[in-house]
Amino acid sequence: MTRKGTGLNLRNGVIVIGLFDIAISILVIINNMVSLMEKFTDAIDSRRSYFYISTESEIVDIIGIGIYTMIMLSAGVLIAGVIKGKPKHLKPWMSFKLLLVGVGALSQIVYLCVLSAGSEGGTKARVVKYIFIMELAVVLQFVLAIYMLVTVSTYYSLLRNAKDVERSCTETC
């Protein structure tokens, strides 16, 4: 199934999506680890003999490392499923990506409500401009995530149908 003019078939597109998720995950994990290490060295410089989680940014860094590790692992399973032709291996990535899109949309709605409720008077125009720029980036991320989900689920249905046809052919032949 190759689209005219693209040179990429659906299978290779799904592999590229998995590699993209792995690359982004590695960058975010490295960034969060560097941020945590800077805080750890600050704790050593201040002569504390212990390191504890004291701010929200450290908690966000740790949660980000966990989430992006799961994204990286599910993308690895996605790529293995595409290469081996096993549709069941695509399900973890699809379900995790769907969960992330849903949670991301919900958190953006809450964030917008909190941000718009907190702005008053003269800062309203600056807040609206900031919200517009932020939401434009978030909308682009959601569109990309939905496109990835549609692409992977289309490939999943093609693999699933091919397995069903193969199974029915072996039973009747």
C-alpha atoms as a PDB file:
ATOM      1  CA  MET A   1       0.000   0.000   0.000  1.00  0.00           C
ATOM      2  CA  THR A   2       2.032   2.897  -1.238  1.00  0.00           C
ATOM      3  CA  ARG A   3       0.572   6.334  -1.734  1.00  0.00           C
ATOM      4  CA  LYS A   4       1.475   7.886  -5.044  1.00  0.00           C
ATOM      5  CA  GLY A   5       4.373  10.270  -4.794  1.00  0.00           C
ATOM      6  CA  THR A   6       5.362   9.590  -1.180  1.00  0.00           C
ATOM      7  CA  GLY A   7       7.615   6.564  -1.553  1.00  0.00           C
ATOM      8  CA  LEU A   8       6.596   5.417   1.939  1.00  0.00           C
ATOM      9  CA  ASN A   9       4.320   2.488   2.466  1.00  0.00           C
ATOM     10  CA  LEU A  10       2.160   2.080   5.551  1.00  0.00           C
ATOM     11  CA  ARG A  11       4.494  -0.427   7.176  1.00  0.00           C
ATOM     12  CA  ASN A  12       7.516   1.851   6.890  1.00  0.00           C
ATOM     13  CA  GLY A  13       5.428   4.794   8.094  1.00  0.00           C
ATOM     14  CA  VAL A  14       4.533   2.935  11.282  1.00  0.00           C
ATOM     15  CA  ILE A  15       8.206   2.084  11.818  1.00  0.00           C
ATOM     16  CA  VAL A  16       9.079   5.777  11.386  1.00  0.00           C
ATOM     17  CA  ILE A  17       6.408   6.672  13.968  1.00  0.00           C
ATOM     18  CA  GLY A  18       7.959   4.217  16.426  1.00  0.00           C
ATOM     19  CA  LEU A  19      11.454   5.558  15.792  1.00  0.00           C
ATOM     20  CA  PHE A  20      10.163   9.120  16.210  1.00  0.00           C
ATOM     21  CA  ASP A  21       8.647   8.240  19.591  1.00  0.00           C
ATOM     22  CA  ILE A  22      11.898   6.569  20.687  1.00  0.00           C
ATOM     23  CA  ALA A  23      13.991   9.579  19.612  1.00  0.00           C
ATOM     24  CA  ILE A  24      11.736  12.091  21.377  1.00  0.00           C
ATOM     25  CA  SER A  25      11.647   9.886  24.486  1.00  0.00           C
ATOM     26  CA  ILE A  26      15.432   9.670  24.633  1.00  0.00           C
ATOM     27  CA  LEU A  27      15.741  13.457  24.351  1.00  0.00           C
ATOM     28  CA  VAL A  28      13.170  14.088  27.099  1.00  0.00           C
ATOM     29  CA  ILE A  29      14.686  11.462  29.416  1.00  0.00           C
ATOM     30  CA  ILE A  30      18.179  12.936  28.969  1.00  0.00           C
ATOM     31  CA  ASN A  31      16.822  16.439  29.600  1.00  0.00           C
ATOM     32  CA  ASN A  32      15.020  15.354  32.780  1.00  0.00           C
ATOM     33  CA  MET A  33      18.035  13.393  34.019  1.00  0.00           C
ATOM     34  CA  VAL A  34      20.298  16.408  33.498  1.00  0.00           C
ATOM     35  CA  SER A  35      17.813  18.578  35.376  1.00  0.00           C
ATOM     36  CA  LEU A  36      17.726  16.121  38.274  1.00  0.00           C
ATOM     37  CA  MET A  37      21.514  15.847  38.332  1.00  0.00           C
ATOM     38  CA  GLU A  38      21.841  19.639  38.498  1.00  0.00           C
ATOM     39  CA  LYS A  39      19.532  19.660  41.510  1.00  0.00           C
ATOM     40  CA  PHE A  40      21.487  16.811  43.059  1.00  0.00           C
ATOM     41  CA  THR A  41      24.799  18.636  42.624  1.00  0.00           C
ATOM     42  CA  ASP A  42      23.208  21.759  44.134  1.00  0.00           C
ATOM     43  CA  ALA A  43      22.310  19.637  47.154  1.00  0.00           C
ATOM     44  CA  ILE A  44      25.930  18.428  47.384  1.00  0.00           C
ATOM     45  CA  ASP A  45      27.265  21.983  47.003  1.00  0.00           C
ATOM     46  CA  SER A  46      25.102  23.173  49.862  1.00  0.00           C
ATOM     47  CA  ARG A  47      26.737  20.502  52.096  1.00  0.00           C
ATOM     48  CA  ARG A  48      23.576  18.477  52.580  1.00  0.00           C
ATOM     49  CA  SER A  49      24.341  14.816  53.070  1.00  0.00           C
ATOM     50  CA  TYR A  50      21.030  13.737  51.549  1.00  0.00           C
ATOM     51  CA  PHE A  51      18.931  14.394  48.494  1.00  0.00           C
ATOM     52  CA  TYR A  52      15.200  14.589  48.750  1.00  0.00           C
ATOM     53  CA  ILE A  53      12.401  15.569  46.440  1.00  0.00           C
ATOM     54  CA  SER A  54      11.523  19.058  47.551  1.00  0.00           C
ATOM     55  CA  THR A  55       9.935  20.870  44.636  1.00  0.00           C
ATOM     56  CA  GLU A  56       7.261  20.228  42.072  1.00  0.00           C
ATOM     57  CA  SER A  57       9.794  20.447  39.249  1.00  0.00           C
ATOM     58  CA  GLU A  58      11.702  17.457  40.636  1.00  0.00           C
ATOM     59  CA  ILE A  59       8.470  15.467  40.853  1.00  0.00           C
ATOM     60  CA  VAL A  60       7.609  16.467  37.276  1.00  0.00           C
ATOM     61  CA  ASP A  61      11.091  15.370  36.146  1.00  0.00           C
ATOM     62  CA  ILE A  62      10.692  11.949  37.778  1.00  0.00           C
ATOM     63  CA  ILE A  63       7.165  11.449  36.402  1.00  0.00           C
ATOM     64  CA  GLY A  64       8.383  12.557  32.953  1.00  0.00           C
ATOM     65  CA  ILE A  65      11.193  10.001  33.049  1.00  0.00           C
ATOM     66  CA  GLY A  66       8.677   7.275  33.904  1.00  0.00           C
ATOM     67  CA  ILE A  67       6.152   8.257  31.240  1.00  0.00           C
ATOM     68  CA  TYR A  68       8.718   8.634  28.472  1.00  0.00           C
ATOM     69  CA  THR A  69      10.351   5.341  29.427  1.00  0.00           C
ATOM     70  CA  MET A  70       6.946   3.696  28.943  1.00  0.00           C
ATOM     71  CA  ILE A  71       6.512   5.488  25.609  1.00  0.00           C
ATOM     72  CA  MET A  72       9.940   4.288  24.503  1.00  0.00           C
ATOM     73  CA  LEU A  73       9.210   0.689  25.496  1.00  0.00           C
ATOM     74  CA  SER A  74       5.797   0.672  23.811  1.00  0.00           C
ATOM     75  CA  ALA A  75       7.363   2.137  20.651  1.00  0.00           C
ATOM     76  CA  GLY A  76       9.960  -0.643  20.715  1.00  0.00           C
ATOM     77  CA  VAL A  77       7.171  -3.223  20.932  1.00  0.00           C
ATOM     78  CA  LEU A  78       5.391  -1.391  18.087  1.00  0.00           C
ATOM     79  CA  ILE A  79       8.450  -1.657  15.842  1.00  0.00           C
ATOM     80  CA  ALA A  80       8.952  -5.333  16.749  1.00  0.00           C
ATOM     81  CA  GLY A  81       5.294  -6.024  15.961  1.00  0.00           C
ATOM     82  CA  VAL A  82       5.560  -4.338  12.583  1.00  0.00           C
ATOM     83  CA  ILE A  83       8.732  -6.207  11.663  1.00  0.00           C
ATOM     84  CA  LYS A  84       7.348  -9.582  12.787  1.00  0.00           C
ATOM     85  CA  GLY A  85       3.879  -8.901  11.386  1.00  0.00           C
ATOM     86  CA  LYS A  86       2.092  -9.464  14.720  1.00  0.00           C
ATOM     87  CA  PRO A  87      -0.926  -7.198  15.219  1.00  0.00           C
ATOM     88  CA  LYS A  88      -1.090  -7.866  18.985  1.00  0.00           C
ATOM     89  CA  HIS A  89       2.242  -6.077  19.421  1.00  0.00           C
ATOM     90  CA  LEU A  90       0.702  -2.845  18.128  1.00  0.00           C
ATOM     91  CA  LYS A  91      -1.978  -2.693  20.822  1.00  0.00           C
ATOM     92  CA  PRO A  92       0.192  -1.440  23.741  1.00  0.00           C
ATOM     93  CA  TRP A  93       1.385   1.569  21.743  1.00  0.00           C
ATOM     94  CA  MET A  94      -2.116   2.390  20.508  1.00  0.00           C
ATOM     95  CA  SER A  95      -3.704   2.157  23.950  1.00  0.00           C
ATOM     96  CA  PHE A  96      -0.915   4.103  25.668  1.00  0.00           C
ATOM     97  CA  LYS A  97      -0.967   6.837  23.000  1.00  0.00           C
ATOM     98  CA  LEU A  98      -4.758   7.084  23.261  1.00  0.00           C
ATOM     99  CA  LEU A  99      -4.465   7.403  27.043  1.00  0.00           C
ATOM    100  CA  LEU A 100      -1.836  10.140  26.700  1.00  0.00           C
ATOM    101  CA  VAL A 101      -3.942  12.078  24.194  1.00  0.00           C
ATOM    102  CA  GLY A 102      -6.972  11.873  26.497  1.00  0.00           C
ATOM    103  CA  VAL A 103      -5.065  12.886  29.616  1.00  0.00           C
ATOM    104  CA  GLY A 104      -3.302  15.653  27.695  1.00  0.00           C
ATOM    105  CA  ALA A 105      -6.582  17.074  26.405  1.00  0.00           C
ATOM    106  CA  LEU A 106      -8.128  16.978  29.865  1.00  0.00           C
ATOM    107  CA  SER A 107      -5.115  18.634  31.480  1.00  0.00           C
ATOM    108  CA  GLN A 108      -5.128  21.394  28.844  1.00  0.00           C
ATOM    109  CA  ILE A 109      -8.795  22.114  29.521  1.00  0.00           C
ATOM    110  CA  VAL A 110      -8.119  22.344  33.265  1.00  0.00           C
ATOM    111  CA  TYR A 111      -5.027  24.486  32.635  1.00  0.00           C
ATOM    112  CA  LEU A 112      -7.001  26.907  30.454  1.00  0.00           C
ATOM    113  CA  CYS A 113      -9.755  27.200  33.060  1.00  0.00           C
ATOM    114  CA  VAL A 114      -7.273  27.898  35.852  1.00  0.00           C
ATOM    115  CA  LEU A 115      -5.236  30.358  33.775  1.00  0.00           C
ATOM    116  CA  SER A 116      -8.238  32.307  32.527  1.00  0.00           C
ATOM    117  CA  ALA A 117      -9.819  32.432  36.009  1.00  0.00           C
ATOM    118  CA  GLY A 118      -6.629  33.851  37.514  1.00  0.00           C
ATOM    119  CA  SER A 119      -6.177  36.720  35.051  1.00  0.00           C
ATOM    120  CA  GLU A 120      -7.715  40.088  35.793  1.00  0.00           C
ATOM    121  CA  GLY A 121      -7.664  43.571  34.372  1.00  0.00           C
ATOM    122  CA  GLY A 122      -4.699  44.681  32.251  1.00  0.00           C
ATOM    123  CA  THR A 123      -2.984  41.304  32.222  1.00  0.00           C
ATOM    124  CA  LYS A 124      -5.931  39.756  30.426  1.00  0.00           C
ATOM    125  CA  ALA A 125      -4.603  40.673  26.958  1.00  0.00           C
ATOM    126  CA  ARG A 126      -1.140  39.235  27.700  1.00  0.00           C
ATOM    127  CA  VAL A 127      -2.682  36.058  29.114  1.00  0.00           C
ATOM    128  CA  VAL A 128      -4.903  35.644  26.051  1.00  0.00           C
ATOM    129  CA  LYS A 129      -1.874  36.058  23.733  1.00  0.00           C
ATOM    130  CA  TYR A 130       0.120  33.544  25.811  1.00  0.00           C
ATOM    131  CA  ILE A 131      -2.792  31.085  25.830  1.00  0.00           C
ATOM    132  CA  PHE A 132      -3.162  31.384  22.044  1.00  0.00           C
ATOM    133  CA  ILE A 133       0.512  30.608  21.409  1.00  0.00           C
ATOM    134  CA  MET A 134       0.525  27.720  23.902  1.00  0.00           C
ATOM    135  CA  GLU A 135      -2.683  26.239  22.578  1.00  0.00           C
ATOM    136  CA  LEU A 136      -1.510  26.456  18.984  1.00  0.00           C
ATOM    137  CA  ALA A 137       1.479  24.272  19.873  1.00  0.00           C
ATOM    138  CA  VAL A 138      -0.725  21.884  21.851  1.00  0.00           C
ATOM    139  CA  VAL A 139      -3.263  21.612  19.025  1.00  0.00           C
ATOM    140  CA  LEU A 140      -0.455  20.775  16.591  1.00  0.00           C
ATOM    141  CA  GLN A 141       0.769  18.055  18.979  1.00  0.00           C
ATOM    142  CA  PHE A 142      -2.735  16.614  19.235  1.00  0.00           C
ATOM    143  CA  VAL A 143      -3.186  16.620  15.468  1.00  0.00           C
ATOM    144  CA  LEU A 144       0.137  14.796  15.066  1.00  0.00           C
ATOM    145  CA  ALA A 145      -0.808  12.278  17.776  1.00  0.00           C
ATOM    146  CA  ILE A 146      -4.219  11.617  16.196  1.00  0.00           C
ATOM    147  CA  TYR A 147      -2.565  11.176  12.786  1.00  0.00           C
ATOM    148  CA  MET A 148      -0.129   8.680  14.308  1.00  0.00           C
ATOM    149  CA  LEU A 149      -2.990   6.812  15.972  1.00  0.00           C
ATOM    150  CA  VAL A 150      -4.958   6.629  12.722  1.00  0.00           C
ATOM    151  CA  THR A 151      -1.903   5.414  10.802  1.00  0.00           C
ATOM    152  CA  VAL A 152      -1.022   2.700  13.315  1.00  0.00           C
ATOM    153  CA  SER A 153      -4.644   1.568  13.725  1.00  0.00           C
ATOM    154  CA  THR A 154      -5.019   1.360   9.925  1.00  0.00           C
ATOM    155  CA  TYR A 155      -1.924  -0.816   9.739  1.00  0.00           C
ATOM    156  CA  TYR A 156      -3.247  -2.874  12.676  1.00  0.00           C
ATOM    157  CA  SER A 157      -6.514  -3.529  10.843  1.00  0.00           C
ATOM    158  CA  LEU A 158      -4.614  -4.503   7.668  1.00  0.00           C
ATOM    159  CA  LEU A 159      -2.454  -6.953   9.626  1.00  0.00           C
ATOM    160  CA  ARG A 160      -5.490  -8.311  11.440  1.00  0.00           C
ATOM    161  CA  ASN A 161      -7.433  -8.824   8.200  1.00  0.00           C
ATOM    162  CA  ALA A 162      -4.449 -10.542   6.580  1.00  0.00           C
ATOM    163  CA  LYS A 163      -4.191 -12.928   9.554  1.00  0.00           C
ATOM    164  CA  ASP A 164      -7.944 -13.652   9.370  1.00  0.00           C
ATOM    165  CA  VAL A 165      -7.758 -14.354   5.622  1.00  0.00           C
ATOM    166  CA  GLU A 166      -4.731 -16.597   6.145  1.00  0.00           C
ATOM    167  CA  ARG A 167      -6.483 -18.484   8.963  1.00  0.00           C
ATOM    168  CA  SER A 168      -9.693 -18.988   6.949  1.00  0.00           C
ATOM    169  CA  CYS A 169      -7.708 -20.156   3.924  1.00  0.00           C
ATOM    170  CA  THR A 170      -5.866 -22.815   5.961  1.00  0.00           C
ATOM    171  CA  GLU A 171      -9.136 -24.026   7.478  1.00  0.00           C
ATOM    172  CA  THR A 172     -10.984 -24.374   4.141  1.00  0.00           C
ATOM    173  CA  CYS A 173      -8.122 -25.461   1.924  1.00  0.00           C
END
